[in-house]
Amino acid sequence: MKKILIVIDIQNDFLDGALACDKEKSLIQAAKQKIFSFDGEVIYTQDTHYDDYLDTNEGKHLPITHCIKNSKAWQIPKELLKENAKIFEKNSFCSLELANYLKSIEKEILSIEIIGICTDICVLSNAILLKAFLNNTEIYVHKELTRATSLKNHEEALNMLRQNHINII
């Protein structure tokens, strides 16, 4: 049995770019420590959009161009990348590809831990999706290793996660 750590969208655009979250700079060191001390498989998601972003459904609701593939803003900071880790690009809030991968190894998984950005959007969406796909797997979201669009939204998202039987640590 193995533990899984999922690092959600810790990318330059969410750290100091178009959609920078509150206190994200403090997240880097804490995330780095968690990632490189984690005894298990580390997996990343990477928000990925293209030049036509503003024409997409998400772009119409969030008209801020961000995480354009192959740009500096799209990249995960090198100091956070664990060698040979899987990276799942996603052009939506959550990753079906990630959920399908984890479902395929469900019998090998002891637990899933989640850190990243944004608690109220992509962290919430992925955690709920994974709970639906792996309903008997313990899922944990690190309160201090996630960031949201606001402190109020962070707390509301954590409450929604609790209500869906996702552990907050």
C-alpha atoms as a PDB file:
ATOM      1  CA  MET A   1       0.000   0.000   0.000  1.00  0.00           C
ATOM      2  CA  LYS A   2       1.280   3.448  -0.827  1.00  0.00           C
ATOM      3  CA  LYS A   3       0.520   7.030  -0.025  1.00  0.00           C
ATOM      4  CA  ILE A   4      -0.129   9.588  -2.750  1.00  0.00           C
ATOM      5  CA  LEU A   5       0.583  13.317  -2.543  1.00  0.00           C
ATOM      6  CA  ILE A   6      -1.160  15.467  -5.146  1.00  0.00           C
ATOM      7  CA  VAL A   7       0.233  18.939  -5.758  1.00  0.00           C
ATOM      8  CA  ILE A   8      -2.523  21.014  -7.365  1.00  0.00           C
ATOM      9  CA  ASP A   9      -1.537  23.830  -9.743  1.00  0.00           C
ATOM     10  CA  ILE A  10       1.394  25.361  -7.879  1.00  0.00           C
ATOM     11  CA  GLN A  11       2.385  27.296 -10.995  1.00  0.00           C
ATOM     12  CA  ASN A  12       3.938  30.686 -11.585  1.00  0.00           C
ATOM     13  CA  ASP A  13       0.680  32.345 -12.678  1.00  0.00           C
ATOM     14  CA  PHE A  14      -0.892  31.448  -9.319  1.00  0.00           C
ATOM     15  CA  LEU A  15       2.188  32.464  -7.352  1.00  0.00           C
ATOM     16  CA  ASP A  16       3.065  35.869  -8.782  1.00  0.00           C
ATOM     17  CA  GLY A  17       1.249  36.142 -12.087  1.00  0.00           C
ATOM     18  CA  ALA A  18      -2.212  36.858 -13.455  1.00  0.00           C
ATOM     19  CA  LEU A  19      -4.090  34.973 -10.715  1.00  0.00           C
ATOM     20  CA  ALA A  20      -1.753  35.261  -7.731  1.00  0.00           C
ATOM     21  CA  CYS A  21      -3.335  34.079  -4.468  1.00  0.00           C
ATOM     22  CA  ASP A  22      -2.830  35.544  -0.987  1.00  0.00           C
ATOM     23  CA  LYS A  23       0.328  34.517   0.883  1.00  0.00           C
ATOM     24  CA  GLU A  24       1.421  32.136  -1.881  1.00  0.00           C
ATOM     25  CA  LYS A  25       5.088  33.039  -1.417  1.00  0.00           C
ATOM     26  CA  SER A  26       4.983  31.423   2.029  1.00  0.00           C
ATOM     27  CA  LEU A  27       3.516  28.330   0.401  1.00  0.00           C
ATOM     28  CA  ILE A  28       6.667  27.590  -1.633  1.00  0.00           C
ATOM     29  CA  GLN A  29       8.961  26.633   1.259  1.00  0.00           C
ATOM     30  CA  ALA A  30       6.299  24.649   3.110  1.00  0.00           C
ATOM     31  CA  ALA A  31       5.262  22.837  -0.081  1.00  0.00           C
ATOM     32  CA  LYS A  32       8.879  22.080  -0.949  1.00  0.00           C
ATOM     33  CA  GLN A  33       9.456  20.544   2.472  1.00  0.00           C
ATOM     34  CA  LYS A  34       6.282  18.439   2.180  1.00  0.00           C
ATOM     35  CA  ILE A  35       7.034  17.276  -1.364  1.00  0.00           C
ATOM     36  CA  PHE A  36      10.638  16.224  -0.733  1.00  0.00           C
ATOM     37  CA  SER A  37       9.996  14.595   2.649  1.00  0.00           C
ATOM     38  CA  PHE A  38       6.883  12.735   1.483  1.00  0.00           C
ATOM     39  CA  ASP A  39       7.191   8.955   1.698  1.00  0.00           C
ATOM     40  CA  GLY A  40       5.089   7.948  -1.284  1.00  0.00           C
ATOM     41  CA  GLU A  41       4.211   8.891  -4.850  1.00  0.00           C
ATOM     42  CA  VAL A  42       4.067  12.603  -5.696  1.00  0.00           C
ATOM     43  CA  ILE A  43       1.772  13.677  -8.541  1.00  0.00           C
ATOM     44  CA  TYR A  44       1.270  17.177  -9.952  1.00  0.00           C
ATOM     45  CA  THR A  45      -1.585  18.818 -11.793  1.00  0.00           C
ATOM     46  CA  GLN A  46      -0.840  21.650 -14.170  1.00  0.00           C
ATOM     47  CA  ASP A  47      -3.526  24.101 -15.236  1.00  0.00           C
ATOM     48  CA  THR A  48      -3.073  24.287 -19.002  1.00  0.00           C
ATOM     49  CA  HIS A  49      -4.704  26.696 -21.406  1.00  0.00           C
ATOM     50  CA  TYR A  50      -4.091  27.897 -24.940  1.00  0.00           C
ATOM     51  CA  ASP A  51      -4.284  31.167 -26.879  1.00  0.00           C
ATOM     52  CA  ASP A  52      -8.043  30.703 -27.350  1.00  0.00           C
ATOM     53  CA  TYR A  53      -8.640  30.648 -23.560  1.00  0.00           C
ATOM     54  CA  LEU A  54     -10.982  33.655 -23.579  1.00  0.00           C
ATOM     55  CA  ASP A  55     -13.242  31.822 -26.063  1.00  0.00           C
ATOM     56  CA  THR A  56     -13.658  28.808 -23.740  1.00  0.00           C
ATOM     57  CA  ASN A  57     -16.457  28.409 -21.207  1.00  0.00           C
ATOM     58  CA  GLU A  58     -14.019  28.986 -18.353  1.00  0.00           C
ATOM     59  CA  GLY A  59     -12.592  32.042 -20.122  1.00  0.00           C
ATOM     60  CA  LYS A  60     -16.060  33.544 -20.436  1.00  0.00           C
ATOM     61  CA  HIS A  61     -16.604  33.191 -16.668  1.00  0.00           C
ATOM     62  CA  LEU A  62     -13.025  34.027 -15.652  1.00  0.00           C
ATOM     63  CA  PRO A  63     -11.794  36.408 -18.363  1.00  0.00           C
ATOM     64  CA  ILE A  64      -8.170  36.505 -17.216  1.00  0.00           C
ATOM     65  CA  THR A  65      -5.721  34.794 -19.545  1.00  0.00           C
ATOM     66  CA  HIS A  66      -3.502  32.495 -17.472  1.00  0.00           C
ATOM     67  CA  CYS A  67      -1.365  29.340 -17.583  1.00  0.00           C
ATOM     68  CA  ILE A  68      -0.838  29.406 -21.338  1.00  0.00           C
ATOM     69  CA  LYS A  69       1.008  26.214 -22.248  1.00  0.00           C
ATOM     70  CA  ASN A  70       4.786  26.528 -22.556  1.00  0.00           C
ATOM     71  CA  SER A  71       4.858  30.046 -21.075  1.00  0.00           C
ATOM     72  CA  LYS A  72       6.842  30.901 -17.931  1.00  0.00           C
ATOM     73  CA  ALA A  73       3.516  31.570 -16.191  1.00  0.00           C
ATOM     74  CA  TRP A  74       2.391  27.976 -16.920  1.00  0.00           C
ATOM     75  CA  GLN A  75       5.462  26.356 -15.371  1.00  0.00           C
ATOM     76  CA  ILE A  76       5.711  24.698 -11.990  1.00  0.00           C
ATOM     77  CA  PRO A  77       8.669  26.214 -10.093  1.00  0.00           C
ATOM     78  CA  LYS A  78      11.676  23.937 -10.635  1.00  0.00           C
ATOM     79  CA  GLU A  79      12.471  23.808  -6.918  1.00  0.00           C
ATOM     80  CA  LEU A  80       9.112  22.066  -6.350  1.00  0.00           C
ATOM     81  CA  LEU A  81       9.452  19.400  -9.043  1.00  0.00           C
ATOM     82  CA  LYS A  82      10.307  15.949  -7.796  1.00  0.00           C
ATOM     83  CA  GLU A  83      12.239  13.902 -10.337  1.00  0.00           C
ATOM     84  CA  ASN A  84      10.218  11.335 -12.316  1.00  0.00           C
ATOM     85  CA  ALA A  85       6.894  12.476 -10.848  1.00  0.00           C
ATOM     86  CA  LYS A  86       3.763  12.276 -12.979  1.00  0.00           C
ATOM     87  CA  ILE A  87       2.271  15.560 -14.175  1.00  0.00           C
ATOM     88  CA  PHE A  88      -1.318  15.711 -15.356  1.00  0.00           C
ATOM     89  CA  GLU A  89      -2.120  18.723 -17.506  1.00  0.00           C
ATOM     90  CA  LYS A  90      -5.721  19.862 -17.211  1.00  0.00           C
ATOM     91  CA  ASN A  91      -7.704  22.483 -19.086  1.00  0.00           C
ATOM     92  CA  SER A  92     -10.483  22.535 -16.527  1.00  0.00           C
ATOM     93  CA  PHE A  93     -10.721  22.750 -12.762  1.00  0.00           C
ATOM     94  CA  CYS A  94     -10.220  19.025 -12.211  1.00  0.00           C
ATOM     95  CA  SER A  95      -8.473  16.187 -13.990  1.00  0.00           C
ATOM     96  CA  LEU A  96     -10.394  13.145 -15.154  1.00  0.00           C
ATOM     97  CA  GLU A  97      -7.076  11.699 -16.339  1.00  0.00           C
ATOM     98  CA  LEU A  98      -5.725  11.900 -12.772  1.00  0.00           C
ATOM     99  CA  ALA A  99      -8.907  10.354 -11.357  1.00  0.00           C
ATOM    100  CA  ASN A 100      -8.779   7.510 -13.890  1.00  0.00           C
ATOM    101  CA  TYR A 101      -5.102   6.869 -13.141  1.00  0.00           C
ATOM    102  CA  LEU A 102      -5.758   6.682  -9.394  1.00  0.00           C
ATOM    103  CA  LYS A 103      -8.827   4.488  -9.948  1.00  0.00           C
ATOM    104  CA  SER A 104      -6.604   2.080 -11.928  1.00  0.00           C
ATOM    105  CA  ILE A 105      -4.274   1.678  -8.918  1.00  0.00           C
ATOM    106  CA  GLU A 106      -6.951   2.029  -6.215  1.00  0.00           C
ATOM    107  CA  LYS A 107      -6.069  -1.282  -4.525  1.00  0.00           C
ATOM    108  CA  GLU A 108      -2.484  -0.044  -4.030  1.00  0.00           C
ATOM    109  CA  ILE A 109      -3.468   3.265  -2.391  1.00  0.00           C
ATOM    110  CA  LEU A 110      -3.427   3.696   1.364  1.00  0.00           C
ATOM    111  CA  SER A 111      -4.289   7.408   1.365  1.00  0.00           C
ATOM    112  CA  ILE A 112      -4.235  10.573  -0.723  1.00  0.00           C
ATOM    113  CA  GLU A 113      -2.993  13.942   0.521  1.00  0.00           C
ATOM    114  CA  ILE A 114      -3.612  17.175  -1.365  1.00  0.00           C
ATOM    115  CA  ILE A 115      -1.800  20.510  -1.300  1.00  0.00           C
ATOM    116  CA  GLY A 116      -1.989  23.432  -3.706  1.00  0.00           C
ATOM    117  CA  ILE A 117      -3.894  26.291  -5.271  1.00  0.00           C
ATOM    118  CA  CYS A 118      -6.819  27.280  -5.204  1.00  0.00           C
ATOM    119  CA  THR A 119      -8.618  25.683  -2.268  1.00  0.00           C
ATOM    120  CA  ASP A 120     -11.957  27.056  -3.446  1.00  0.00           C
ATOM    121  CA  ILE A 121     -11.604  26.057  -7.097  1.00  0.00           C
ATOM    122  CA  CYS A 122      -9.146  23.383  -8.283  1.00  0.00           C
ATOM    123  CA  VAL A 123      -8.314  21.813  -4.910  1.00  0.00           C
ATOM    124  CA  LEU A 124     -12.014  21.515  -4.082  1.00  0.00           C
ATOM    125  CA  SER A 125     -12.924  20.179  -7.544  1.00  0.00           C
ATOM    126  CA  ASN A 126     -10.178  17.551  -7.618  1.00  0.00           C
ATOM    127  CA  ALA A 127     -10.782  16.406  -4.036  1.00  0.00           C
ATOM    128  CA  ILE A 128     -14.524  15.940  -4.665  1.00  0.00           C
ATOM    129  CA  LEU A 129     -13.864  14.134  -7.958  1.00  0.00           C
ATOM    130  CA  LEU A 130     -11.356  11.806  -6.296  1.00  0.00           C
ATOM    131  CA  LYS A 131     -13.769  11.107  -3.426  1.00  0.00           C
ATOM    132  CA  ALA A 132     -16.396  10.115  -5.999  1.00  0.00           C
ATOM    133  CA  PHE A 133     -13.970   7.864  -7.886  1.00  0.00           C
ATOM    134  CA  LEU A 134     -12.294   6.398  -4.774  1.00  0.00           C
ATOM    135  CA  ASN A 135     -15.041   6.591  -2.149  1.00  0.00           C
ATOM    136  CA  ASN A 136     -13.342   4.165   0.258  1.00  0.00           C
ATOM    137  CA  THR A 137      -9.953   5.901   0.144  1.00  0.00           C
ATOM    138  CA  GLU A 138      -8.998   8.349   2.873  1.00  0.00           C
ATOM    139  CA  ILE A 139      -8.376  11.777   1.338  1.00  0.00           C
ATOM    140  CA  TYR A 140      -6.678  14.574   3.261  1.00  0.00           C
ATOM    141  CA  VAL A 141      -6.376  18.255   2.363  1.00  0.00           C
ATOM    142  CA  HIS A 142      -3.655  20.228   4.123  1.00  0.00           C
ATOM    143  CA  LYS A 143      -5.238  23.440   5.425  1.00  0.00           C
ATOM    144  CA  GLU A 144      -1.899  25.247   5.742  1.00  0.00           C
ATOM    145  CA  LEU A 145      -0.557  24.003   2.401  1.00  0.00           C
ATOM    146  CA  THR A 146      -3.434  25.262   0.288  1.00  0.00           C
ATOM    147  CA  ARG A 147      -4.337  28.791  -0.760  1.00  0.00           C
ATOM    148  CA  ALA A 148      -7.609  30.266  -2.033  1.00  0.00           C
ATOM    149  CA  THR A 149      -8.839  33.384  -3.751  1.00  0.00           C
ATOM    150  CA  SER A 150      -9.601  34.806  -0.278  1.00  0.00           C
ATOM    151  CA  LEU A 151      -9.429  33.701   3.353  1.00  0.00           C
ATOM    152  CA  LYS A 152     -13.235  33.545   3.490  1.00  0.00           C
ATOM    153  CA  ASN A 153     -13.333  31.329   0.378  1.00  0.00           C
ATOM    154  CA  HIS A 154     -10.589  29.136   1.848  1.00  0.00           C
ATOM    155  CA  GLU A 155     -12.627  28.472   5.006  1.00  0.00           C
ATOM    156  CA  GLU A 156     -15.834  27.895   3.031  1.00  0.00           C
ATOM    157  CA  ALA A 157     -14.059  25.422   0.738  1.00  0.00           C
ATOM    158  CA  LEU A 158     -12.593  23.548   3.714  1.00  0.00           C
ATOM    159  CA  ASN A 159     -16.081  23.288   5.206  1.00  0.00           C
ATOM    160  CA  MET A 160     -17.446  21.898   1.912  1.00  0.00           C
ATOM    161  CA  LEU A 161     -14.637  19.355   1.828  1.00  0.00           C
ATOM    162  CA  ARG A 162     -15.408  18.268   5.418  1.00  0.00           C
ATOM    163  CA  GLN A 163     -19.073  17.838   4.481  1.00  0.00           C
ATOM    164  CA  ASN A 164     -17.969  15.469   1.720  1.00  0.00           C
ATOM    165  CA  HIS A 165     -15.959  13.303   4.150  1.00  0.00           C
ATOM    166  CA  ILE A 166     -12.610  14.674   3.119  1.00  0.00           C
ATOM    167  CA  ASN A 167     -10.233  15.072   6.046  1.00  0.00           C
ATOM    168  CA  ILE A 168      -8.749  18.497   6.768  1.00  0.00           C
ATOM    169  CA  ILE A 169      -5.346  18.407   8.460  1.00  0.00           C
END
